[in-house]
Amino acid sequence: MISLRRIYVTSGLVLLILVLGITALTSWYTVDESEQAVILTFGELEEGIMEPGLHFKMPWPIQEVRKTSKETYSLQFGYREENGEVVEEIEQDTRMITGDENIVLADLVVQWKITNPGKFLYNSVDPENILYNATSASLRGVIGSSTIDSVLTSGKAEVEASVREHLTALMEDYDIGISIMAVKLQDVELPNEAVRKAFTQVTDAREMMNTKINEANKYSNKRTEEAEGEKDALIFKAQGDRAARIEIARGDVAIFNALYNEYKNQPDITRKRLVLETLDQVLPNADIYIMNDDGGTLKYLPLRPIESANSLPKPATNQEGSAKNE
């Protein structure tokens, strides 16, 4: 009896120590800064733990902790990459038909994060596969509503934005705790070399056409600006001539009015003065003669020889004022 009692006591102590050990080991847990966690109580989701640090919970099997990462993941659609190099291309996923019924190969990268660990862990069996299929559906839908020219040239940014918008809407509908951060097209190309060469030739011809159009527009703008400048110059010159002629006319009118006022006061004298001034202007170098009433001629006083003599330089004088003679 004593031996059985000791066995029972020893077993009870061992069991108690084991329970206490399990309780101590499973009641505390830590969440790293790059992690997020959820707590399950008897297998039922209770709450999410987003703050890093040391936390307490009920011991196992009452409560259990599941952790997920906060990092940004990359979904490679249409290819598989390892160590920065493409090791596999999945052509059956990348082959698509555009809205104008051309075949293209398109692959992309989707950057995503787990924003709700509870929904990510328990709302679906394979959330990453759901994301991959949703990416395929979004990309095919956008490519199918776009033209091949847009997809291969200037419309890539619009394709990326549309795919991200559609994919975000699908993730919200599926409610699997995933948020889309970015969508980036990697390659969009034609399926074979012959088609690529033909499309390249068409693209080059279109670019040459656009270049010629731009050059023609540039030349047209240049000539238009030159013509506008010449037009403005002619207008300014005409306006200047107009203003000058108006001022000349005003001056002539003022002179005429002044002469007219003098003529009203002394008509004979003014008439004679005008005749003499006109003759002097018309014949500046002519000699003037005055006719007598008897028909004879009398030469007018010759003023030019006197003026010429007066215009000669005067001889120099000494300090007493007398002229120097040799």
Protein backbone atom coordinates (compact mmCIF):
# COMPACT_ATOMS: atom_id res chain seq x y z
CA MET A 1 0.00 0.00 0.00
CA ILE A 2 2.80 2.38 0.89
CA SER A 3 4.57 1.69 -2.41
CA LEU A 4 1.42 2.28 -4.46
CA ARG A 5 0.77 5.56 -2.61
CA ARG A 6 4.32 6.73 -3.34
CA ILE A 7 3.89 5.82 -6.97
CA TYR A 8 0.65 7.79 -7.15
CA VAL A 9 2.22 10.79 -5.43
CA THR A 10 5.29 10.70 -7.67
CA SER A 11 3.15 10.38 -10.80
CA GLY A 12 0.98 13.28 -9.67
CA LEU A 13 4.03 15.47 -9.05
CA VAL A 14 5.48 14.60 -12.45
CA LEU A 15 2.15 15.35 -14.12
CA LEU A 16 1.86 18.65 -12.23
CA ILE A 17 5.39 19.64 -13.18
CA LEU A 18 4.67 18.71 -16.80
CA VAL A 19 1.47 20.77 -16.82
CA LEU A 20 3.21 23.72 -15.21
CA GLY A 21 6.05 23.44 -17.73
CA ILE A 22 3.70 23.37 -20.70
CA THR A 23 1.75 26.28 -19.25
CA ALA A 24 4.89 28.32 -18.75
CA LEU A 25 6.26 27.51 -22.18
CA THR A 26 3.03 28.09 -24.10
CA SER A 27 1.61 31.13 -22.29
CA TRP A 28 4.20 33.63 -23.51
CA TYR A 29 5.10 34.42 -27.06
CA THR A 30 6.88 37.19 -28.97
CA VAL A 31 5.98 39.00 -32.18
CA ASP A 32 8.86 40.43 -34.21
CA GLU A 33 8.69 43.84 -35.92
CA SER A 34 8.42 42.11 -39.28
CA GLU A 35 5.60 39.81 -38.12
CA GLN A 36 1.91 39.89 -37.32
CA ALA A 37 -0.05 37.23 -35.41
CA VAL A 38 -3.54 35.95 -34.68
CA ILE A 39 -4.82 34.00 -31.64
CA LEU A 40 -7.04 30.93 -31.88
CA THR A 41 -9.14 29.89 -28.88
CA PHE A 42 -10.08 26.21 -29.17
CA GLY A 43 -9.51 26.57 -32.91
CA GLU A 44 -11.70 29.67 -33.30
CA LEU A 45 -10.16 32.92 -34.52
CA GLU A 46 -10.21 35.54 -31.77
CA GLU A 47 -8.06 38.54 -32.62
CA GLY A 48 -5.04 39.78 -34.52
CA ILE A 49 -1.81 40.95 -32.90
CA MET A 50 -0.06 43.65 -34.90
CA GLU A 51 2.15 45.23 -32.22
CA PRO A 52 5.63 43.73 -31.82
CA GLY A 53 6.90 42.59 -28.41
CA LEU A 54 6.21 40.02 -25.66
CA HIS A 55 2.58 38.91 -25.25
CA PHE A 56 0.61 36.59 -22.96
CA LYS A 57 -2.09 34.06 -23.88
CA MET A 58 -3.85 31.10 -22.41
CA PRO A 59 -1.68 27.94 -22.49
CA TRP A 60 -1.94 25.31 -25.17
CA PRO A 61 -4.31 23.68 -26.08
CA ILE A 62 -6.67 26.48 -25.00
CA GLN A 63 -5.13 29.15 -27.21
CA GLU A 64 -2.75 28.96 -30.13
CA VAL A 65 -0.76 31.64 -32.01
CA ARG A 66 -0.28 31.77 -35.81
CA LYS A 67 2.16 34.26 -37.34
CA THR A 68 2.54 35.78 -40.81
CA SER A 69 5.10 38.17 -42.26
CA LYS A 70 4.64 41.90 -42.93
CA GLU A 71 7.04 41.85 -45.89
CA THR A 72 6.07 42.71 -49.45
CA TYR A 73 5.83 39.63 -51.65
CA SER A 74 6.32 39.44 -55.42
CA LEU A 75 4.10 37.31 -57.61
CA GLN A 76 5.84 36.47 -60.90
CA PHE A 77 3.17 35.90 -63.54
CA GLY A 78 4.24 34.10 -66.71
CA TYR A 79 7.79 33.26 -65.66
CA ARG A 80 9.86 32.06 -62.71
CA GLU A 81 12.92 33.85 -61.49
CA GLU A 82 15.68 32.68 -59.16
CA ASN A 83 18.63 34.75 -57.96
CA GLY A 84 17.75 37.55 -60.36
CA GLU A 85 17.67 35.31 -63.46
CA VAL A 86 14.69 33.92 -65.37
CA VAL A 87 14.82 30.14 -65.13
CA GLU A 88 11.45 29.31 -66.70
CA GLU A 89 8.96 31.00 -69.03
CA ILE A 90 5.35 29.87 -68.84
CA GLU A 91 4.14 30.71 -72.35
CA GLN A 92 0.69 29.19 -71.95
CA ASP A 93 -0.07 31.77 -69.25
CA THR A 94 1.36 34.76 -71.13
CA ARG A 95 -0.28 34.14 -74.53
CA MET A 96 -3.23 36.54 -74.90
CA ILE A 97 -5.44 38.11 -77.59
CA THR A 98 -5.82 41.87 -77.91
CA GLY A 99 -9.01 43.72 -78.68
CA ASP A 100 -8.10 43.94 -82.38
CA GLU A 101 -7.51 40.14 -82.51
CA ASN A 102 -3.72 40.01 -82.36
CA ILE A 103 -1.72 37.59 -80.25
CA VAL A 104 0.80 38.97 -77.73
CA LEU A 105 2.90 37.53 -74.93
CA ALA A 106 2.65 39.49 -71.68
CA ASP A 107 4.10 38.82 -68.24
CA LEU A 108 4.19 40.96 -65.13
CA VAL A 109 5.08 41.21 -61.45
CA VAL A 110 2.53 41.86 -58.72
CA GLN A 111 3.71 43.20 -55.38
CA TRP A 112 1.35 42.33 -52.53
CA LYS A 113 1.18 42.21 -48.73
CA ILE A 114 -0.80 40.32 -46.09
CA THR A 115 -2.89 43.00 -44.39
CA ASN A 116 -5.26 40.67 -42.50
CA PRO A 117 -3.50 37.50 -41.30
CA GLY A 118 -6.71 35.88 -40.03
CA LYS A 119 -8.45 36.12 -43.40
CA PHE A 120 -5.28 35.12 -45.22
CA LEU A 121 -4.88 31.96 -43.11
CA TYR A 122 -8.48 30.81 -42.81
CA ASN A 123 -10.69 32.38 -45.52
CA SER A 124 -9.16 30.27 -48.30
CA VAL A 125 -7.15 27.10 -48.74
CA ASP A 126 -4.52 28.56 -51.11
CA PRO A 127 -4.67 32.38 -51.23
CA GLU A 128 -1.54 32.70 -53.36
CA ASN A 129 -3.06 30.50 -56.07
CA ILE A 130 -6.21 32.61 -55.94
CA LEU A 131 -4.05 35.72 -56.40
CA TYR A 132 -2.29 34.14 -59.39
CA ASN A 133 -5.57 33.23 -61.10
CA ALA A 134 -7.03 36.67 -60.36
CA THR A 135 -3.91 38.26 -61.88
CA SER A 136 -4.36 36.17 -65.02
CA ALA A 137 -8.03 37.14 -65.31
CA SER A 138 -7.31 40.86 -64.76
CA LEU A 139 -4.45 40.99 -67.27
CA ARG A 140 -6.37 39.07 -69.94
CA GLY A 141 -9.39 41.31 -69.47
CA VAL A 142 -7.34 44.50 -69.89
CA ILE A 143 -5.32 43.17 -72.84
CA GLY A 144 -8.52 41.93 -74.49
CA SER A 145 -9.98 45.45 -74.42
CA SER A 146 -6.82 47.16 -75.75
CA THR A 147 -5.30 47.45 -79.21
CA ILE A 148 -1.96 45.91 -80.08
CA ASP A 149 -0.42 49.32 -80.80
CA SER A 150 -1.39 50.58 -77.37
CA VAL A 151 -0.14 47.45 -75.60
CA LEU A 152 3.23 47.40 -77.36
CA THR A 153 3.97 51.14 -77.31
CA SER A 154 2.59 54.00 -75.26
CA GLY A 155 -0.28 52.23 -73.48
CA LYS A 156 1.74 50.12 -71.01
CA ALA A 157 1.20 52.51 -68.13
CA GLU A 158 -2.55 52.44 -68.72
CA VAL A 159 -2.49 48.63 -68.85
CA GLU A 160 -0.63 48.47 -65.53
CA ALA A 161 -3.05 50.90 -63.87
CA SER A 162 -6.10 49.02 -65.18
CA VAL A 163 -4.74 45.61 -64.09
CA ARG A 164 -4.02 46.94 -60.61
CA GLU A 165 -7.53 48.42 -60.37
CA HIS A 166 -9.21 45.17 -61.47
CA LEU A 167 -6.98 43.01 -59.27
CA THR A 168 -7.61 45.17 -56.20
CA ALA A 169 -11.35 44.90 -56.75
CA LEU A 170 -11.11 41.09 -57.02
CA MET A 171 -9.08 40.83 -53.80
CA GLU A 172 -11.71 42.88 -51.99
CA ASP A 173 -14.45 40.61 -53.33
CA TYR A 174 -12.56 37.42 -52.38
CA ASP A 175 -11.76 38.86 -48.91
CA ILE A 176 -8.60 36.81 -48.36
CA GLY A 177 -6.58 39.46 -46.47
CA ILE A 178 -4.33 40.49 -49.39
CA SER A 179 -3.64 44.06 -50.55
CA ILE A 180 -2.11 44.88 -53.94
CA MET A 181 0.81 47.31 -53.71
CA ALA A 182 1.97 47.59 -57.34
CA VAL A 183 1.70 45.99 -60.78
CA LYS A 184 4.59 46.15 -63.25
CA LEU A 185 4.59 44.80 -66.81
CA GLN A 186 7.85 43.04 -67.58
CA ASP A 187 7.63 42.12 -71.28
CA VAL A 188 4.94 42.57 -73.91
CA GLU A 189 5.98 41.15 -77.27
CA LEU A 190 4.72 39.39 -80.36
CA PRO A 191 4.80 35.58 -80.54
CA ASN A 192 7.31 35.03 -83.41
CA GLU A 193 10.18 36.75 -85.17
CA ALA A 194 8.39 37.34 -88.48
CA VAL A 195 5.48 39.11 -86.83
CA ARG A 196 7.85 41.12 -84.62
CA LYS A 197 9.85 42.21 -87.68
CA ALA A 198 6.72 43.27 -89.58
CA PHE A 199 5.37 45.17 -86.60
CA THR A 200 8.76 46.85 -86.09
CA GLN A 201 8.71 48.02 -89.71
CA VAL A 202 5.20 49.40 -89.28
CA THR A 203 6.24 51.13 -86.06
CA ASP A 204 9.32 52.63 -87.72
CA ALA A 205 7.21 53.89 -90.61
CA ARG A 206 4.73 55.43 -88.19
CA GLU A 207 7.54 57.11 -86.25
CA MET A 208 9.02 58.46 -89.49
CA MET A 209 5.61 59.78 -90.49
CA ASN A 210 5.24 61.50 -87.14
CA THR A 211 8.75 62.93 -87.49
CA LYS A 212 7.96 64.35 -90.93
CA ILE A 213 4.68 65.78 -89.66
CA ASN A 214 6.47 67.42 -86.74
CA GLU A 215 9.12 68.86 -89.07
CA ALA A 216 6.43 70.20 -91.40
CA ASN A 217 4.55 71.73 -88.48
CA LYS A 218 7.80 73.27 -87.23
CA TYR A 219 8.53 74.78 -90.66
CA SER A 220 4.94 75.99 -90.97
CA ASN A 221 5.10 77.62 -87.54
CA LYS A 222 8.44 79.24 -88.42
CA ARG A 223 7.16 80.68 -91.70
CA THR A 224 3.95 81.80 -90.02
CA GLU A 225 5.92 83.62 -87.33
CA GLU A 226 8.15 85.23 -89.96
CA ALA A 227 5.10 86.33 -91.95
CA GLU A 228 3.50 87.70 -88.81
CA GLY A 229 6.70 89.61 -88.06
CA GLU A 230 6.85 91.03 -91.59
CA LYS A 231 3.19 91.97 -91.41
CA ASP A 232 3.71 93.75 -88.07
CA ALA A 233 6.77 95.56 -89.46
CA LEU A 234 4.80 96.77 -92.49
CA ILE A 235 1.94 97.87 -90.28
CA PHE A 236 4.30 99.76 -87.97
CA LYS A 237 6.03 101.38 -90.96
CA ALA A 238 2.70 102.37 -92.49
CA GLN A 239 1.55 103.78 -89.17
CA GLY A 240 4.81 105.73 -88.91
CA ASP A 241 4.42 107.09 -92.46
CA ARG A 242 0.85 108.00 -91.73
CA ALA A 243 1.81 109.85 -88.58
CA ALA A 244 4.67 111.64 -90.39
CA ARG A 245 2.43 112.71 -93.25
CA ILE A 246 -0.20 113.94 -90.86
CA GLU A 247 2.39 116.03 -89.02
CA ILE A 248 3.78 117.39 -92.33
CA ALA A 249 0.28 118.29 -93.44
CA ARG A 250 -0.37 119.99 -90.15
CA GLY A 251 2.87 121.95 -90.56
CA ASP A 252 1.91 122.96 -94.11
CA VAL A 253 -1.49 124.06 -92.89
CA ALA A 254 0.09 126.11 -90.12
CA ILE A 255 2.50 127.76 -92.62
CA PHE A 256 -0.35 128.47 -95.01
CA ASN A 257 -2.46 129.97 -92.24
CA ALA A 258 0.45 132.17 -91.17
CA LEU A 259 1.03 133.35 -94.75
CA TYR A 260 -2.67 133.93 -95.22
CA ASN A 261 -2.82 136.10 -92.12
CA GLU A 262 0.15 138.16 -93.42
CA TYR A 263 -1.45 138.35 -96.83
CA LYS A 264 -4.65 139.77 -95.33
CA ASN A 265 -2.67 142.47 -93.55
CA GLN A 266 -0.26 143.38 -96.44
CA PRO A 267 -1.35 141.68 -99.64
CA ASP A 268 1.02 143.53 -102.03
CA ILE A 269 4.12 143.19 -99.93
CA THR A 270 3.37 139.58 -99.10
CA ARG A 271 2.72 138.77 -102.77
CA LYS A 272 6.03 140.28 -103.84
CA ARG A 273 7.90 138.51 -101.03
CA LEU A 274 6.40 135.18 -102.01
CA VAL A 275 7.37 135.74 -105.66
CA LEU A 276 10.97 136.56 -104.71
CA GLU A 277 11.24 133.61 -102.30
CA THR A 278 9.87 131.29 -104.94
CA LEU A 279 12.34 132.57 -107.54
CA ASP A 280 15.19 132.14 -105.08
CA GLN A 281 14.15 128.56 -104.39
CA VAL A 282 13.61 127.69 -108.07
CA LEU A 283 16.68 129.53 -109.42
CA PRO A 284 19.15 129.74 -106.54
CA ASN A 285 22.23 130.44 -108.73
CA ALA A 286 20.65 132.83 -111.29
CA ASP A 287 21.43 136.58 -111.63
CA ILE A 288 18.40 138.81 -111.19
CA TYR A 289 17.66 141.75 -113.54
CA ILE A 290 14.96 144.42 -113.16
CA MET A 291 13.25 145.63 -116.30
CA ASN A 292 12.51 149.38 -116.69
CA ASP A 293 9.22 150.64 -117.96
CA ASP A 294 10.84 151.88 -121.18
CA GLY A 295 11.94 148.36 -122.18
CA GLY A 296 15.55 148.85 -121.25
CA THR A 297 17.39 146.61 -118.80
CA LEU A 298 19.15 147.55 -115.64
CA LYS A 299 21.37 145.02 -113.95
CA TYR A 300 20.58 144.45 -110.36
CA LEU A 301 23.20 145.36 -107.80
CA PRO A 302 25.72 142.49 -107.90
CA LEU A 303 25.80 141.26 -104.36
CA ARG A 304 27.60 137.94 -104.98
CA PRO A 305 31.06 139.44 -105.68
CA ILE A 306 30.75 141.49 -102.50
CA GLU A 307 29.64 138.39 -100.54
CA SER A 308 32.54 136.42 -102.06
CA ALA A 309 35.00 139.12 -101.06
CA ASN A 310 33.61 139.23 -97.56
CA SER A 311 33.91 135.48 -97.32
CA LEU A 312 37.71 135.56 -97.93
CA PRO A 313 39.92 135.15 -94.86
CA LYS A 314 41.17 138.43 -93.33
CA PRO A 315 44.92 139.09 -93.03
CA ALA A 316 46.46 138.58 -89.62
CA THR A 317 47.23 141.65 -87.48
CA ASN A 318 50.06 142.39 -85.02
CA GLN A 319 49.62 143.43 -81.39
CA GLU A 320 49.16 147.11 -82.49
CA GLY A 321 46.38 146.02 -84.87
CA SER A 322 48.32 146.69 -88.13
CA ALA A 323 48.42 144.13 -90.88
CA LYS A 324 51.53 142.14 -91.49
CA ASN A 325 53.03 142.82 -94.92
CA GLU A 326 55.84 140.89 -96.52
